[in-house]
Protein backbone atom coordinates (compact mmCIF):
# COMPACT_ATOMS: atom_id res chain seq x y z
CA MET A 1 0.00 0.00 0.00
CA LYS A 2 1.39 3.39 -1.03
CA VAL A 3 1.92 6.06 1.60
CA SER A 4 1.84 9.81 1.00
CA SER A 5 4.77 12.20 1.36
CA SER A 6 2.94 13.89 4.24
CA GLU A 7 3.27 10.63 6.19
CA LEU A 8 7.03 10.58 5.64
CA LYS A 9 8.53 13.48 7.56
CA ASN A 10 11.78 11.96 8.79
CA SER A 11 15.34 12.60 7.67
CA GLU A 12 15.98 8.86 7.45
CA TYR A 13 13.86 6.03 5.99
CA THR A 14 13.95 2.27 5.75
CA ALA A 15 14.01 0.53 2.39
CA ALA A 16 10.54 -0.86 3.16
CA GLU A 17 9.11 2.62 3.81
CA LEU A 18 10.49 3.93 0.53
CA ALA A 19 9.21 0.91 -1.40
CA ASP A 20 5.72 1.50 0.02
CA TYR A 21 5.98 5.17 -0.91
CA VAL A 22 6.71 4.52 -4.60
CA GLY A 23 4.75 1.29 -4.96
CA GLY A 24 7.82 -0.92 -5.41
CA ARG A 25 9.23 -4.05 -3.76
CA ILE A 26 12.46 -4.85 -1.96
CA ILE A 27 15.02 -7.57 -2.64
CA GLY A 28 17.43 -7.72 0.28
CA ASP A 29 17.38 -5.96 3.64
CA ARG A 30 14.01 -4.25 4.11
CA ASP A 31 15.25 -2.56 7.28
CA ILE A 32 18.34 -0.92 5.82
CA ARG A 33 18.18 2.87 6.39
CA VAL A 34 19.06 5.70 4.01
CA ASN A 35 19.33 9.43 4.69
CA SER A 36 20.16 10.91 1.27
CA ALA A 37 19.62 10.48 -2.48
CA ARG A 38 22.61 10.72 -4.82
CA GLY A 39 23.59 10.11 -8.42
CA ILE A 40 25.72 7.02 -8.99
CA ASP A 41 29.00 8.95 -9.11
CA GLU A 42 28.18 10.87 -5.92
CA ALA A 43 26.63 7.97 -3.98
CA GLU A 44 27.82 7.44 -0.42
CA LYS A 45 27.08 5.17 2.51
CA ASN A 46 23.44 5.37 3.68
CA SER A 47 22.35 6.85 0.34
CA ILE A 48 19.95 5.68 -2.36
CA THR A 49 20.69 5.85 -6.08
CA PHE A 50 19.08 4.46 -9.24
CA ALA A 51 20.03 2.59 -12.40
CA ASP A 52 17.59 2.23 -15.30
CA ASN A 53 19.73 -0.05 -17.48
CA LYS A 54 22.41 -2.75 -17.13
CA LYS A 55 25.30 -0.39 -17.87
CA PHE A 56 24.41 1.93 -14.99
CA PHE A 57 23.47 -1.03 -12.79
CA LYS A 58 27.07 -2.25 -12.92
CA LYS A 59 28.27 1.22 -11.92
CA ALA A 60 25.71 1.37 -9.11
CA LEU A 61 26.92 -1.98 -7.75
CA ASN A 62 30.41 -0.54 -7.45
CA SER A 63 29.18 2.62 -5.74
CA ALA A 64 28.86 3.20 -1.99
CA ALA A 65 25.06 3.39 -2.15
CA ASP A 66 23.23 1.07 0.25
CA LEU A 67 20.00 0.99 -1.77
CA ILE A 68 19.60 0.93 -5.57
CA ILE A 69 16.37 1.56 -7.50
CA VAL A 70 16.18 -0.70 -10.57
CA PRO A 71 13.61 -1.78 -13.21
CA ASP A 72 11.40 -4.60 -12.00
CA GLU A 73 11.99 -6.68 -15.17
CA MET A 74 15.81 -6.74 -14.84
CA GLU A 75 17.61 -9.88 -13.60
CA PHE A 76 19.93 -9.35 -10.61
CA LYS A 77 22.73 -11.13 -8.80
CA THR A 78 23.98 -8.96 -5.97
CA GLU A 79 24.24 -8.74 -2.21
CA LYS A 80 23.13 -5.10 -2.29
CA THR A 81 19.57 -4.19 -1.38
CA LEU A 82 17.41 -3.33 -4.41
CA LEU A 83 14.16 -1.44 -4.78
CA LEU A 84 12.33 -2.76 -7.85
CA THR A 85 9.88 -0.46 -9.60
CA GLU A 86 8.38 0.12 -13.03
CA ASN A 87 10.12 3.45 -13.58
CA PRO A 88 13.35 3.90 -11.58
CA ARG A 89 13.91 7.51 -12.67
CA THR A 90 10.43 8.59 -11.52
CA ALA A 91 10.79 6.66 -8.26
CA TYR A 92 14.16 8.32 -7.62
CA ALA A 93 12.66 11.77 -8.25
CA LYS A 94 9.89 11.13 -5.71
CA ILE A 95 12.27 9.75 -3.09
CA ALA A 96 14.87 12.50 -3.59
CA SER A 97 12.10 15.04 -2.95
CA LEU A 98 11.72 13.64 0.56
CA PHE A 99 15.26 14.81 1.38
CA PHE A 100 14.86 18.23 -0.26
CA LYS A 101 14.54 21.21 2.04
CA THR A 102 12.84 24.29 0.58
CA PRO A 103 15.40 27.12 0.39
CA TYR A 104 14.65 30.43 2.13
CA LYS A 105 11.89 28.83 4.20
CA ASN A 106 11.86 30.17 7.77
CA GLY A 107 8.21 31.09 8.41
CA LYS A 108 9.18 34.68 9.19
CA ILE A 109 8.34 38.06 7.69
CA SER A 110 11.36 40.36 7.52
CA GLY A 111 11.03 43.87 8.89
CA LYS A 112 12.99 44.98 5.83
CA ALA A 113 10.21 43.92 3.46
CA VAL A 114 7.66 46.47 2.23
CA ILE A 115 4.12 45.08 2.42
CA ALA A 116 0.99 47.07 1.62
CA GLU A 117 -1.56 47.31 4.43
CA THR A 118 -4.27 45.85 2.19
CA ALA A 119 -2.19 42.77 1.31
CA CYS A 120 -3.36 39.46 2.79
CA ILE A 121 -0.56 37.18 3.97
CA GLY A 122 -1.32 33.54 4.84
CA LYS A 123 0.04 31.42 7.68
CA ASN A 124 3.67 30.27 7.78
CA VAL A 125 4.71 32.50 4.89
CA SER A 126 8.42 33.35 4.56
CA ILE A 127 9.13 36.88 3.31
CA HIS A 128 12.75 38.02 3.11
CA PRO A 129 14.47 41.44 3.09
CA GLY A 130 13.95 43.62 0.05
CA VAL A 131 10.61 42.07 -0.91
CA PHE A 132 7.83 44.40 -2.08
CA ILE A 133 4.17 43.32 -1.97
CA GLY A 134 1.54 45.65 -3.42
CA GLU A 135 -2.03 46.61 -2.60
CA ASN A 136 -4.75 43.94 -2.40
CA THR A 137 -2.32 41.11 -3.11
CA VAL A 138 -2.94 37.68 -1.56
CA ILE A 139 -0.13 35.30 -0.56
CA GLY A 140 -1.16 31.73 0.28
CA GLU A 141 -0.16 29.63 3.27
CA GLY A 142 3.39 28.29 3.36
CA THR A 143 4.64 30.29 0.38
CA VAL A 144 8.29 31.42 0.36
CA ILE A 145 9.35 34.74 -1.16
CA ALA A 146 13.12 35.20 -1.45
CA PRO A 147 15.05 38.49 -1.19
CA GLY A 148 14.50 41.22 -3.74
CA THR A 149 11.27 39.87 -5.21
CA VAL A 150 8.63 42.37 -6.34
CA ILE A 151 4.94 41.44 -6.31
CA ALA A 152 2.67 44.17 -7.63
CA GLU A 153 -0.95 45.01 -6.76
CA ASN A 154 -3.95 42.67 -7.13
CA VAL A 155 -1.81 39.55 -7.44
CA GLU A 156 -2.95 36.15 -6.15
CA ILE A 157 -0.33 33.57 -5.18
CA GLY A 158 -1.42 30.16 -3.89
CA ARG A 159 -0.12 27.86 -1.18
CA ASN A 160 3.40 26.44 -0.85
CA CYS A 161 4.90 28.38 -3.73
CA LEU A 162 8.59 29.26 -3.96
CA LEU A 163 9.69 32.52 -5.57
CA HIS A 164 13.48 32.76 -5.82
CA PRO A 165 15.40 36.07 -5.56
CA THR A 166 14.50 39.05 -7.77
CA VAL A 167 11.41 37.52 -9.34
CA THR A 168 8.88 40.09 -10.57
CA VAL A 169 5.14 39.34 -10.57
CA GLU A 170 3.24 42.16 -12.23
CA ARG A 171 -0.25 43.48 -11.49
CA GLY A 172 -3.22 41.15 -11.67
CA SER A 173 -1.24 37.93 -12.12
CA ILE A 174 -2.72 34.73 -10.69
CA ILE A 175 -0.44 31.91 -9.53
CA GLY A 176 -1.74 28.54 -8.28
CA ASP A 177 -0.45 26.20 -5.56
CA ASN A 178 2.99 24.54 -5.42
CA VAL A 179 4.50 26.75 -8.11
CA THR A 180 8.26 27.32 -8.27
CA ILE A 181 9.70 30.37 -10.06
CA GLU A 182 13.47 30.68 -10.36
CA ALA A 183 15.53 33.85 -10.06
CA SER A 184 14.98 36.98 -12.18
CA THR A 185 11.91 35.71 -14.01
CA VAL A 186 9.23 38.25 -14.92
CA ILE A 187 5.56 37.29 -14.86
CA GLY A 188 3.10 39.73 -16.45
CA SER A 189 5.33 42.16 -18.31
CA ASP A 190 3.64 44.08 -21.12
CA GLY A 191 3.17 42.19 -24.37
CA TYR A 192 4.76 43.41 -27.59
CA GLY A 193 1.77 45.16 -29.13
CA TYR A 194 1.90 48.22 -31.41
CA ALA A 195 -0.24 49.83 -34.09
CA SER A 196 1.83 51.41 -36.84
CA ASP A 197 1.03 54.27 -39.20
CA SER A 198 2.91 57.06 -40.97
CA GLU A 199 3.46 58.83 -37.65
CA GLY A 200 5.18 55.88 -35.98
CA HIS A 201 4.42 52.93 -33.73
CA HIS A 202 1.65 53.43 -31.17
CA LYS A 203 1.61 51.21 -28.09
CA ILE A 204 -1.51 49.10 -27.59
CA PRO A 205 -2.30 49.03 -23.85
CA GLN A 206 -1.83 45.56 -22.42
CA LEU A 207 -4.93 45.14 -20.27
CA GLY A 208 -4.91 41.39 -19.58
CA ASN A 209 -3.02 39.28 -17.07
CA VAL A 210 -1.08 36.03 -16.64
CA VAL A 211 -2.48 32.85 -15.08
CA ILE A 212 0.01 30.24 -13.84
CA GLU A 213 -1.81 27.08 -12.77
CA SER A 214 -0.73 24.77 -9.92
CA GLU A 215 2.36 22.52 -9.98
CA VAL A 216 4.11 24.65 -12.62
CA GLU A 217 7.89 25.16 -12.49
CA ILE A 218 9.47 28.12 -14.26
CA GLY A 219 13.23 28.52 -14.75
CA ALA A 220 15.45 31.58 -14.39
CA ASN A 221 15.25 34.64 -16.65
CA VAL A 222 11.94 33.63 -18.21
CA THR A 223 9.50 36.29 -19.43
CA ILE A 224 5.78 35.63 -19.66
CA ASP A 225 3.83 38.57 -21.10
CA ARG A 226 0.37 39.58 -19.95
CA GLY A 227 -2.51 39.27 -22.37
CA THR A 228 -3.37 42.24 -24.54
CA SER A 229 -6.93 41.52 -23.47
CA GLY A 230 -7.68 38.35 -21.54
CA SER A 231 -5.07 36.02 -20.09
CA THR A 232 -1.79 34.41 -20.99
CA ILE A 233 -2.09 30.91 -19.47
CA VAL A 234 0.42 28.26 -18.39
CA GLY A 235 -1.36 24.99 -17.66
CA ARG A 236 -1.10 22.77 -14.61
CA GLY A 237 2.11 20.77 -14.24
CA THR A 238 3.96 22.41 -17.12
CA LYS A 239 7.74 22.73 -16.71
CA ILE A 240 9.58 25.66 -18.30
CA ASP A 241 13.37 25.85 -18.58
CA ASN A 242 15.56 28.97 -18.35
CA LEU A 243 15.57 31.82 -20.89
CA VAL A 244 12.14 31.22 -22.42
CA GLN A 245 9.94 33.96 -23.91
CA ILE A 246 6.16 33.49 -23.89
CA ALA A 247 4.23 36.25 -25.63
CA HIS A 248 0.83 37.80 -24.94
CA ASN A 249 -2.30 35.61 -24.96
CA VAL A 250 -0.41 32.34 -25.44
CA LYS A 251 -2.34 29.36 -24.02
CA ILE A 252 -0.13 26.50 -22.83
CA GLY A 253 -1.91 23.31 -21.79
CA PRO A 254 -1.12 21.01 -18.85
CA GLU A 255 2.07 18.98 -18.47
CA CYS A 256 4.01 20.55 -21.32
CA LEU A 257 7.82 20.62 -21.41
CA ILE A 258 9.43 23.81 -22.73
CA VAL A 259 13.22 23.74 -22.93
CA ALA A 260 15.72 26.62 -22.82
CA GLN A 261 15.65 29.50 -25.32
CA VAL A 262 12.24 28.67 -26.75
CA GLY A 263 10.26 31.63 -28.09
CA ILE A 264 6.47 31.45 -28.48
CA SER A 265 4.71 34.23 -30.38
CA GLY A 266 1.40 35.80 -29.43
CA SER A 267 -1.98 34.04 -29.32
CA THR A 268 -0.57 30.59 -30.07
CA VAL A 269 -2.24 27.59 -28.42
CA ILE A 270 -0.12 24.68 -27.18
CA LYS A 271 -2.10 21.62 -26.15
CA LYS A 272 -1.49 19.05 -23.39
CA ARG A 273 1.85 17.24 -23.06
CA THR A 274 3.56 19.03 -25.93
CA THR A 275 7.37 19.18 -25.85
CA LEU A 276 9.37 22.06 -27.33
CA ALA A 277 13.10 21.29 -27.35
CA GLY A 278 15.87 23.87 -27.07
CA GLN A 279 15.73 27.01 -29.24
CA VAL A 280 12.42 26.12 -30.88
CA GLY A 281 10.61 29.10 -32.35
CA VAL A 282 6.83 29.15 -32.70
CA VAL A 283 5.00 31.74 -34.80
CA GLY A 284 1.82 33.40 -33.58
CA HIS A 285 -1.82 32.41 -34.00
CA ILE A 286 -1.32 28.67 -34.58
CA THR A 287 -2.28 25.57 -32.58
CA LEU A 288 0.08 22.75 -31.61
CA ALA A 289 -1.99 19.64 -30.97
CA GLU A 290 -1.73 17.37 -27.95
CA LYS A 291 1.58 15.49 -27.57
CA THR A 292 3.35 17.37 -30.34
CA THR A 293 7.15 17.16 -30.13
CA ALA A 294 9.32 19.79 -31.84
CA ALA A 295 13.01 18.90 -32.10
CA ALA A 296 15.70 21.41 -31.16
CA ARG A 297 15.94 24.56 -33.31
CA SER A 298 12.70 23.82 -35.15
CA MET A 299 10.79 26.78 -36.56
CA VAL A 300 7.12 25.92 -36.19
CA THR A 301 5.01 27.87 -38.67
CA SER A 302 1.75 25.93 -38.94
CA ASP A 303 -0.75 23.84 -36.97
CA THR A 304 0.16 20.28 -35.99
CA LYS A 305 -1.80 17.07 -35.48
CA LYS A 306 -1.92 14.98 -32.32
CA GLY A 307 1.36 13.17 -31.70
CA ASP A 308 3.31 14.88 -34.50
CA PHE A 309 7.11 14.73 -34.24
CA ILE A 310 8.49 17.67 -36.23
CA SER A 311 11.84 19.28 -36.96
CA GLY A 312 13.54 21.73 -39.31
CA ALA A 313 12.92 25.27 -40.51
CA PRO A 314 10.16 25.47 -41.43
CA ALA A 315 9.22 22.47 -39.30
CA GLN A 316 7.84 19.37 -40.99
CA ASN A 317 7.52 15.63 -40.31
CA HIS A 318 10.79 14.57 -38.69
CA ARG A 319 11.42 11.62 -41.02
CA GLN A 320 10.85 13.77 -44.08
CA GLU A 321 13.24 16.36 -42.66
CA LEU A 322 15.92 13.71 -42.15
CA LYS A 323 15.49 12.47 -45.75
CA GLU A 324 15.86 16.00 -47.11
CA ARG A 325 18.95 16.65 -44.99
CA ALA A 326 20.49 13.41 -46.27
CA LEU A 327 19.85 14.54 -49.86
CA LEU A 328 21.40 17.94 -49.17
CA ARG A 329 24.57 16.30 -47.86
CA ARG A 330 24.82 14.39 -51.15
CA LEU A 331 24.52 17.51 -53.30
CA PRO A 332 28.29 18.25 -53.64
CA ASN A 333 28.92 14.73 -54.96
CA LEU A 334 25.88 14.89 -57.22
CA GLN A 335 27.06 18.25 -58.56
CA GLU A 336 30.45 16.77 -59.39
CA ARG A 337 28.82 13.82 -61.15
CA VAL A 338 26.65 16.16 -63.20
CA LYS A 339 29.71 18.18 -64.27
CA ASN A 340 31.50 15.00 -65.38
CA LEU A 341 28.44 13.82 -67.30
CA GLU A 342 28.14 17.21 -69.00
CA LYS A 343 31.78 16.99 -70.10
CA LYS A 344 31.29 13.50 -71.49
CA LEU A 345 28.10 14.59 -73.27
CA ALA A 346 29.90 17.58 -74.78
CA GLU A 347 32.70 15.29 -76.07
CA LEU A 348 30.16 12.88 -77.61
CA GLU A 349 28.36 15.73 -79.35
CA LYS A 350 31.68 17.10 -80.61
CA ASN A 351 32.73 13.72 -82.03
CA ASN A 352 29.38 13.31 -83.78
């Protein structure tokens, strides 16, 4: 029977407790105790590590780890204690989280923070020096706000969030529960909207907001623009890497993965469980269907269908892109062959 993380509040756990937590089973000493989670190369005594294939399993056996998470279909001959589970990487992530201590969490409100009188601060909130919180803003229970963060007026932040140093959350933004935002990210900056005529470029007021749903993680130096009218939305459980730009009125569905240096233009819709690899660019006003995957450096210029795997610039079916690249690599040789054939043809014509 699985147990919840709220039931596991110790700094040390038995192999049996951890197996129950992730729904696995133990081969070996069920009572062996671990107090840390480490990668194979960093493993030490009383730690747990994982190996999801035979190559890494051999390395794990030679490590100092006392407990190894392995796939339940693998065959084993070892004196070490093993935790068998369907997905070792996922099990390791869940177990490692038990040993993670939220940074900046102290349950105190610094006297060097500036907090508006109309702001509503929940229980056990940590607010550090240099934080600014504006009028009518609500901060949920257990949330941690690191030094130098600015939260403007009429913002709602849910429970157990973590805002790292120098994050900016602009007016009217709504952030759900258990959201992590890394340093220097800006939520709710003005979108890039202008109306141009012979006199110049006239700014279109950006009157919308940003909605970040629960369980979202946002990397450092990310910018998410407010809607021109309406909301820019990041769906529940989506994970965003560093240095990503999300433009006004973009709608990102749940559980998407957006890797570093991605740029998404305005009013584009990205459906559930889509993956955008590093440096992908997406034009505005298109829809990426559920479970689309765009390979690194793709330039996505049109709608996709469910499950599409695309690459290239402009992006197309990945296999077709690979075929075309292979043909391009052959062009120099083909050009040389054509030149030789032309010479031979010219000689034949001359002789005739």
